Amino acid sequence: MRIRRNGLVGAWSEDPLWAKVYPLLVEHPALGAPLWRLGLGTDITHLYAAVREIGDLPGGSRVLDVPTGSGIALRGLRPGGDLSLVAADISPRMLQRAHVTAARLGVDDQVTTTLADVGHLPFADDSFDLVATFTGLHVLPDPHRAITEMVRVLRPGGTITGSALFTGSFRGLERRYGLVHAAGRLSQVLGPMCTAADARRWLAAAGAPGARVEMSGGIGYFRAVKD
């Protein structure tokens, strides 16, 4: 599922401009929170809460973060903890950023970086206790395939959690979400995307039924448990 884009921002498999902007917005809430609220009507604290779930896992748990980008999910790890997190991405530059993030947070002893295509994950079935995919599903060329692969490598009883821009019928002020999507596709930042209903259906078909999706403006936070 390699993303071949050569637009204004660069290919995701290389080092797009957005890959530098996004972590700044997340790491600096004073800057990021109002911009997320303005553009997508969303509360960035929902992202922080979802990330913290990683740190609540019992010792010895295995986590897959894909696509890891600059390592937003690594902020859920606690220094001195006993988790094993695989940060996977198609971009070597993204993995370098994730490695720097892990070292800065003091959790690099719990993190392994792996070059991987989310459409063909190089992991055995039932390998992870939790799969995290934060604000990444909407940039992938085949989100259905990605969800199927992420559930495949999740152990029975394990959790898949993430967030994404979902498409839909927007009215009133929410029509600006559609404008954001259009701009994202024009600049080749966004892929074909999907609706929240699509994500629920694909998760169920892959073996993780009953997905919970909570919308915060234009971003949906989803969570499901594998049978």
C-alpha atoms as a PDB file:
ATOM      1  CA  MET A   1       0.000   0.000   0.000  1.00  0.00           C
ATOM      2  CA  ARG A   2       2.761   2.397  -0.895  1.00  0.00           C
ATOM      3  CA  ILE A   3       1.618   5.976  -1.212  1.00  0.00           C
ATOM      4  CA  ARG A   4       2.957   7.466  -4.430  1.00  0.00           C
ATOM      5  CA  ARG A   5       2.422  11.172  -4.140  1.00  0.00           C
ATOM      6  CA  ASN A   6       4.561  13.917  -5.557  1.00  0.00           C
ATOM      7  CA  GLY A   7       2.382  16.929  -4.876  1.00  0.00           C
ATOM      8  CA  LEU A   8       3.028  20.224  -3.204  1.00  0.00           C
ATOM      9  CA  VAL A   9       3.796  18.684   0.181  1.00  0.00           C
ATOM     10  CA  GLY A  10       5.843  15.676  -0.917  1.00  0.00           C
ATOM     11  CA  ALA A  11       5.252  11.935  -0.788  1.00  0.00           C
ATOM     12  CA  TRP A  12       4.320  10.331   2.546  1.00  0.00           C
ATOM     13  CA  SER A  13       6.993   7.719   1.911  1.00  0.00           C
ATOM     14  CA  GLU A  14       9.462  10.609   1.783  1.00  0.00           C
ATOM     15  CA  ASP A  15       9.173  13.647   4.057  1.00  0.00           C
ATOM     16  CA  PRO A  16       6.078  15.787   3.405  1.00  0.00           C
ATOM     17  CA  LEU A  17       5.735  19.279   4.804  1.00  0.00           C
ATOM     18  CA  TRP A  18       2.683  18.277   6.844  1.00  0.00           C
ATOM     19  CA  ALA A  19       4.825  15.740   8.724  1.00  0.00           C
ATOM     20  CA  LYS A  20       6.698  18.691  10.218  1.00  0.00           C
ATOM     21  CA  VAL A  21       3.625  20.836  10.965  1.00  0.00           C
ATOM     22  CA  TYR A  22       1.389  18.204  12.581  1.00  0.00           C
ATOM     23  CA  PRO A  23       3.638  17.316  15.558  1.00  0.00           C
ATOM     24  CA  LEU A  24       4.113  21.001  16.330  1.00  0.00           C
ATOM     25  CA  LEU A  25       0.343  21.431  16.598  1.00  0.00           C
ATOM     26  CA  VAL A  26       0.081  18.415  18.913  1.00  0.00           C
ATOM     27  CA  GLU A  27       3.078  19.179  21.102  1.00  0.00           C
ATOM     28  CA  HIS A  28       2.133  22.817  21.626  1.00  0.00           C
ATOM     29  CA  PRO A  29      -1.544  22.938  22.667  1.00  0.00           C
ATOM     30  CA  ALA A  30      -1.494  26.735  22.956  1.00  0.00           C
ATOM     31  CA  LEU A  31      -0.939  26.803  19.201  1.00  0.00           C
ATOM     32  CA  GLY A  32      -2.593  23.571  18.111  1.00  0.00           C
ATOM     33  CA  ALA A  33      -5.811  23.603  20.152  1.00  0.00           C
ATOM     34  CA  PRO A  34      -7.308  26.777  18.609  1.00  0.00           C
ATOM     35  CA  LEU A  35      -6.309  25.705  15.094  1.00  0.00           C
ATOM     36  CA  TRP A  36      -7.882  22.261  15.538  1.00  0.00           C
ATOM     37  CA  ARG A  37     -11.005  23.937  16.899  1.00  0.00           C
ATOM     38  CA  LEU A  38     -11.140  26.447  14.054  1.00  0.00           C
ATOM     39  CA  GLY A  39     -10.507  24.064  11.193  1.00  0.00           C
ATOM     40  CA  LEU A  40     -12.184  20.875  12.399  1.00  0.00           C
ATOM     41  CA  GLY A  41     -14.314  21.905  15.357  1.00  0.00           C
ATOM     42  CA  THR A  42     -12.500  19.364  17.509  1.00  0.00           C
ATOM     43  CA  ASP A  43     -11.053  19.307  21.008  1.00  0.00           C
ATOM     44  CA  ILE A  44      -7.404  18.189  20.879  1.00  0.00           C
ATOM     45  CA  THR A  45      -7.645  16.836  24.441  1.00  0.00           C
ATOM     46  CA  HIS A  46      -9.535  13.829  23.016  1.00  0.00           C
ATOM     47  CA  LEU A  47      -6.310  12.854  21.245  1.00  0.00           C
ATOM     48  CA  TYR A  48      -4.292  13.159  24.441  1.00  0.00           C
ATOM     49  CA  ALA A  49      -6.820  11.002  26.324  1.00  0.00           C
ATOM     50  CA  ALA A  50      -6.695   8.288  23.649  1.00  0.00           C
ATOM     51  CA  VAL A  51      -2.892   8.269  23.721  1.00  0.00           C
ATOM     52  CA  ARG A  52      -2.835   7.907  27.522  1.00  0.00           C
ATOM     53  CA  GLU A  53      -4.630   4.569  27.228  1.00  0.00           C
ATOM     54  CA  ILE A  54      -1.324   3.052  26.105  1.00  0.00           C
ATOM     55  CA  GLY A  55       0.272   3.775  29.476  1.00  0.00           C
ATOM     56  CA  ASP A  56      -2.550   1.998  31.291  1.00  0.00           C
ATOM     57  CA  LEU A  57      -1.739  -1.379  29.745  1.00  0.00           C
ATOM     58  CA  PRO A  58      -0.326  -4.080  32.048  1.00  0.00           C
ATOM     59  CA  GLY A  59       3.405  -4.704  32.053  1.00  0.00           C
ATOM     60  CA  GLY A  60       4.667  -6.894  29.250  1.00  0.00           C
ATOM     61  CA  SER A  61       1.995  -5.779  26.783  1.00  0.00           C
ATOM     62  CA  ARG A  62       2.931  -5.395  23.119  1.00  0.00           C
ATOM     63  CA  VAL A  63       1.725  -2.351  21.199  1.00  0.00           C
ATOM     64  CA  LEU A  64       1.798  -1.513  17.500  1.00  0.00           C
ATOM     65  CA  ASP A  65       1.647   2.157  16.495  1.00  0.00           C
ATOM     66  CA  VAL A  66       1.036   2.509  12.752  1.00  0.00           C
ATOM     67  CA  PRO A  67       1.617   4.770  10.947  1.00  0.00           C
ATOM     68  CA  THR A  68       3.690   6.256  13.737  1.00  0.00           C
ATOM     69  CA  GLY A  69       4.667   9.501  12.004  1.00  0.00           C
ATOM     70  CA  SER A  70       6.710  11.524  14.467  1.00  0.00           C
ATOM     71  CA  GLY A  71       5.639   9.272  17.349  1.00  0.00           C
ATOM     72  CA  ILE A  72       2.568  10.964  18.820  1.00  0.00           C
ATOM     73  CA  ALA A  73       1.514   7.675  20.453  1.00  0.00           C
ATOM     74  CA  LEU A  74       4.862   7.366  22.233  1.00  0.00           C
ATOM     75  CA  ARG A  75       3.666  10.060  24.629  1.00  0.00           C
ATOM     76  CA  GLY A  76       1.460   7.391  26.177  1.00  0.00           C
ATOM     77  CA  LEU A  77       4.464   5.425  27.400  1.00  0.00           C
ATOM     78  CA  ARG A  78       5.807   6.007  30.896  1.00  0.00           C
ATOM     79  CA  PRO A  79       9.554   6.152  31.583  1.00  0.00           C
ATOM     80  CA  GLY A  80      10.617   3.020  33.418  1.00  0.00           C
ATOM     81  CA  GLY A  81       7.589   1.130  32.150  1.00  0.00           C
ATOM     82  CA  ASP A  82       7.529  -2.454  30.939  1.00  0.00           C
ATOM     83  CA  LEU A  83       5.777  -2.178  27.581  1.00  0.00           C
ATOM     84  CA  SER A  84       7.067  -3.104  24.144  1.00  0.00           C
ATOM     85  CA  LEU A  85       5.941  -0.700  21.418  1.00  0.00           C
ATOM     86  CA  VAL A  86       6.653  -1.192  17.736  1.00  0.00           C
ATOM     87  CA  ALA A  87       6.553   2.136  15.891  1.00  0.00           C
ATOM     88  CA  ALA A  88       5.920   1.284  12.230  1.00  0.00           C
ATOM     89  CA  ASP A  89       5.860   3.571   9.224  1.00  0.00           C
ATOM     90  CA  ILE A  90       6.518   3.494   5.496  1.00  0.00           C
ATOM     91  CA  SER A  91       8.884   6.467   5.757  1.00  0.00           C
ATOM     92  CA  PRO A  92      12.443   6.122   7.079  1.00  0.00           C
ATOM     93  CA  ARG A  93      12.408   9.840   7.926  1.00  0.00           C
ATOM     94  CA  MET A  94       9.259   9.406  10.020  1.00  0.00           C
ATOM     95  CA  LEU A  95      10.915   6.564  11.888  1.00  0.00           C
ATOM     96  CA  GLN A  96      13.921   8.761  12.597  1.00  0.00           C
ATOM     97  CA  ARG A  97      11.583  11.358  14.085  1.00  0.00           C
ATOM     98  CA  ALA A  98       9.863   8.719  16.182  1.00  0.00           C
ATOM     99  CA  HIS A  99      13.238   7.530  17.477  1.00  0.00           C
ATOM    100  CA  VAL A 100      14.154  11.089  18.468  1.00  0.00           C
ATOM    101  CA  THR A 101      10.789  11.483  20.196  1.00  0.00           C
ATOM    102  CA  ALA A 102      11.282   8.245  22.151  1.00  0.00           C
ATOM    103  CA  ALA A 103      14.733   9.340  23.322  1.00  0.00           C
ATOM    104  CA  ARG A 104      13.481  12.783  24.317  1.00  0.00           C
ATOM    105  CA  LEU A 105      10.644  11.268  26.350  1.00  0.00           C
ATOM    106  CA  GLY A 106      12.963   8.756  28.015  1.00  0.00           C
ATOM    107  CA  VAL A 107      11.075   5.723  26.687  1.00  0.00           C
ATOM    108  CA  ASP A 108      13.425   4.560  23.921  1.00  0.00           C
ATOM    109  CA  ASP A 109      14.110   1.332  25.835  1.00  0.00           C
ATOM    110  CA  GLN A 110      10.471   0.379  25.203  1.00  0.00           C
ATOM    111  CA  VAL A 111      10.363   1.341  21.506  1.00  0.00           C
ATOM    112  CA  THR A 112      11.416  -0.480  18.343  1.00  0.00           C
ATOM    113  CA  THR A 113      11.062   1.227  14.962  1.00  0.00           C
ATOM    114  CA  THR A 114      10.135  -0.849  11.923  1.00  0.00           C
ATOM    115  CA  LEU A 115       9.851   0.093   8.256  1.00  0.00           C
ATOM    116  CA  ALA A 116       6.485  -1.309   7.197  1.00  0.00           C
ATOM    117  CA  ASP A 117       3.655  -0.913   4.728  1.00  0.00           C
ATOM    118  CA  VAL A 118       0.363  -0.831   6.658  1.00  0.00           C
ATOM    119  CA  GLY A 119      -1.286  -2.733   3.817  1.00  0.00           C
ATOM    120  CA  HIS A 120       1.135  -5.653   4.276  1.00  0.00           C
ATOM    121  CA  LEU A 121       2.240  -5.612   7.890  1.00  0.00           C
ATOM    122  CA  PRO A 122       5.308  -7.833   8.495  1.00  0.00           C
ATOM    123  CA  PHE A 123       3.931  -9.329  11.699  1.00  0.00           C
ATOM    124  CA  ALA A 124       2.305 -12.644  12.520  1.00  0.00           C
ATOM    125  CA  ASP A 125      -1.375 -12.977  13.341  1.00  0.00           C
ATOM    126  CA  ASP A 126      -2.342 -12.222  16.957  1.00  0.00           C
ATOM    127  CA  SER A 127       0.961 -10.453  17.749  1.00  0.00           C
ATOM    128  CA  PHE A 128      -0.145  -7.355  19.688  1.00  0.00           C
ATOM    129  CA  ASP A 129      -2.273  -6.493  22.696  1.00  0.00           C
ATOM    130  CA  LEU A 130      -3.129  -3.055  21.326  1.00  0.00           C
ATOM    131  CA  VAL A 131      -2.912  -1.462  17.879  1.00  0.00           C
ATOM    132  CA  ALA A 132      -2.950   2.337  17.767  1.00  0.00           C
ATOM    133  CA  THR A 133      -3.468   4.397  14.627  1.00  0.00           C
ATOM    134  CA  PHE A 134      -3.843   8.088  15.419  1.00  0.00           C
ATOM    135  CA  THR A 135      -4.811  10.567  12.694  1.00  0.00           C
ATOM    136  CA  GLY A 136      -3.416   8.256  10.041  1.00  0.00           C
ATOM    137  CA  LEU A 137      -6.278   6.305   8.484  1.00  0.00           C
ATOM    138  CA  HIS A 138      -7.376   9.217   6.296  1.00  0.00           C
ATOM    139  CA  VAL A 139      -3.983   9.535   4.550  1.00  0.00           C
ATOM    140  CA  LEU A 140      -3.857   5.882   3.447  1.00  0.00           C
ATOM    141  CA  PRO A 141      -4.708   4.877  -0.151  1.00  0.00           C
ATOM    142  CA  ASP A 142      -6.716   1.833   1.022  1.00  0.00           C
ATOM    143  CA  PRO A 143      -8.143   2.323   4.537  1.00  0.00           C
ATOM    144  CA  HIS A 144     -10.166  -0.895   4.266  1.00  0.00           C
ATOM    145  CA  ARG A 145      -7.050  -2.961   3.670  1.00  0.00           C
ATOM    146  CA  ALA A 146      -5.248  -1.129   6.488  1.00  0.00           C
ATOM    147  CA  ILE A 147      -7.992  -1.893   9.017  1.00  0.00           C
ATOM    148  CA  THR A 148      -8.043  -5.547   7.978  1.00  0.00           C
ATOM    149  CA  GLU A 149      -4.285  -5.838   8.499  1.00  0.00           C
ATOM    150  CA  MET A 150      -4.313  -4.025  11.837  1.00  0.00           C
ATOM    151  CA  VAL A 151      -7.000  -6.339  13.214  1.00  0.00           C
ATOM    152  CA  ARG A 152      -5.190  -9.392  11.825  1.00  0.00           C
ATOM    153  CA  VAL A 153      -2.081  -8.706  13.934  1.00  0.00           C
ATOM    154  CA  LEU A 154      -4.166  -7.976  17.048  1.00  0.00           C
ATOM    155  CA  ARG A 155      -4.583 -10.830  19.514  1.00  0.00           C
ATOM    156  CA  PRO A 156      -8.113 -11.980  20.457  1.00  0.00           C
ATOM    157  CA  GLY A 157      -9.330  -9.735  23.264  1.00  0.00           C
ATOM    158  CA  GLY A 158      -6.919  -7.006  22.193  1.00  0.00           C
ATOM    159  CA  THR A 159      -7.937  -3.454  21.343  1.00  0.00           C
ATOM    160  CA  ILE A 160      -7.591  -1.329  18.244  1.00  0.00           C
ATOM    161  CA  THR A 161      -7.816   2.390  18.929  1.00  0.00           C
ATOM    162  CA  GLY A 162      -7.346   5.413  16.741  1.00  0.00           C
ATOM    163  CA  SER A 163      -8.654   8.592  15.226  1.00  0.00           C
ATOM    164  CA  ALA A 164      -9.354   9.774  11.707  1.00  0.00           C
ATOM    165  CA  LEU A 165     -10.991  12.401   9.575  1.00  0.00           C
ATOM    166  CA  PHE A 166     -14.220  10.793   8.400  1.00  0.00           C
ATOM    167  CA  THR A 167     -16.248  11.868   5.409  1.00  0.00           C
ATOM    168  CA  GLY A 168     -19.981  12.546   5.689  1.00  0.00           C
ATOM    169  CA  SER A 169     -22.820  14.916   4.903  1.00  0.00           C
ATOM    170  CA  PHE A 170     -21.946  18.203   6.564  1.00  0.00           C
ATOM    171  CA  ARG A 171     -24.371  21.070   7.163  1.00  0.00           C
ATOM    172  CA  GLY A 172     -24.100  24.607   8.407  1.00  0.00           C
ATOM    173  CA  LEU A 173     -20.721  25.503   9.821  1.00  0.00           C
ATOM    174  CA  GLU A 174     -19.674  21.866   9.578  1.00  0.00           C
ATOM    175  CA  ARG A 175     -19.400  22.301   5.822  1.00  0.00           C
ATOM    176  CA  ARG A 176     -15.919  23.622   6.489  1.00  0.00           C
ATOM    177  CA  TYR A 177     -14.844  20.031   7.208  1.00  0.00           C
ATOM    178  CA  GLY A 178     -15.601  19.215   3.583  1.00  0.00           C
ATOM    179  CA  LEU A 179     -13.476  22.169   2.511  1.00  0.00           C
ATOM    180  CA  VAL A 180     -10.612  20.853   4.638  1.00  0.00           C
ATOM    181  CA  HIS A 181     -10.975  17.459   2.965  1.00  0.00           C
ATOM    182  CA  ALA A 182     -10.971  19.036  -0.492  1.00  0.00           C
ATOM    183  CA  ALA A 183      -7.866  21.075   0.313  1.00  0.00           C
ATOM    184  CA  GLY A 184      -6.171  17.980   1.719  1.00  0.00           C
ATOM    185  CA  ARG A 185      -6.835  15.972  -1.427  1.00  0.00           C
ATOM    186  CA  LEU A 186      -5.723  18.833  -3.658  1.00  0.00           C
ATOM    187  CA  SER A 187      -2.421  19.088  -1.806  1.00  0.00           C
ATOM    188  CA  GLN A 188      -2.200  15.254  -1.807  1.00  0.00           C
ATOM    189  CA  VAL A 189      -2.108  15.034   1.991  1.00  0.00           C
ATOM    190  CA  LEU A 190      -5.335  13.007   2.214  1.00  0.00           C
ATOM    191  CA  GLY A 191      -6.271   9.706   0.621  1.00  0.00           C
ATOM    192  CA  PRO A 192      -9.758   8.506  -0.385  1.00  0.00           C
ATOM    193  CA  MET A 193     -10.852   8.432   3.294  1.00  0.00           C
ATOM    194  CA  CYS A 194     -14.021   6.709   4.531  1.00  0.00           C
ATOM    195  CA  THR A 195     -17.111   7.294   6.644  1.00  0.00           C
ATOM    196  CA  ALA A 196     -17.422   6.275  10.294  1.00  0.00           C
ATOM    197  CA  ALA A 197     -19.953   3.650   9.156  1.00  0.00           C
ATOM    198  CA  ASP A 198     -17.368   2.245   6.726  1.00  0.00           C
ATOM    199  CA  ALA A 199     -14.818   1.948   9.529  1.00  0.00           C
ATOM    200  CA  ARG A 200     -17.310   0.160  11.810  1.00  0.00           C
ATOM    201  CA  ARG A 201     -18.249  -2.269   9.037  1.00  0.00           C
ATOM    202  CA  TRP A 202     -14.638  -3.030   8.101  1.00  0.00           C
ATOM    203  CA  LEU A 203     -13.645  -3.535  11.731  1.00  0.00           C
ATOM    204  CA  ALA A 204     -16.537  -5.964  12.247  1.00  0.00           C
ATOM    205  CA  ALA A 205     -15.705  -7.887   9.067  1.00  0.00           C
ATOM    206  CA  ALA A 206     -12.074  -8.185  10.189  1.00  0.00           C
ATOM    207  CA  GLY A 207     -13.111  -9.626  13.567  1.00  0.00           C
ATOM    208  CA  ALA A 208     -13.507  -6.560  15.798  1.00  0.00           C
ATOM    209  CA  PRO A 209     -17.268  -5.940  16.016  1.00  0.00           C
ATOM    210  CA  GLY A 210     -19.128  -3.373  18.066  1.00  0.00           C
ATOM    211  CA  ALA A 211     -16.732  -0.521  17.369  1.00  0.00           C
ATOM    212  CA  ARG A 212     -17.392   2.637  19.343  1.00  0.00           C
ATOM    213  CA  VAL A 213     -16.932   5.873  17.417  1.00  0.00           C
ATOM    214  CA  GLU A 214     -17.037   9.227  19.158  1.00  0.00           C
ATOM    215  CA  MET A 215     -17.110  12.244  16.886  1.00  0.00           C
ATOM    216  CA  SER A 216     -15.425  15.459  17.989  1.00  0.00           C
ATOM    217  CA  GLY A 217     -16.113  17.915  15.222  1.00  0.00           C
ATOM    218  CA  GLY A 218     -14.604  16.544  12.039  1.00  0.00           C
ATOM    219  CA  ILE A 219     -12.482  13.883  13.765  1.00  0.00           C
ATOM    220  CA  GLY A 220     -13.775  10.522  14.902  1.00  0.00           C
ATOM    221  CA  TYR A 221     -12.163   8.525  17.730  1.00  0.00           C
ATOM    222  CA  PHE A 222     -12.773   4.803  17.394  1.00  0.00           C
ATOM    223  CA  ARG A 223     -12.138   1.793  19.579  1.00  0.00           C
ATOM    224  CA  ALA A 224     -12.958  -1.892  19.113  1.00  0.00           C
ATOM    225  CA  VAL A 225     -12.013  -5.234  20.677  1.00  0.00           C
ATOM    226  CA  LYS A 226     -11.101  -8.273  18.602  1.00  0.00           C
ATOM    227  CA  ASP A 227     -13.192 -11.408  19.152  1.00  0.00           C
END
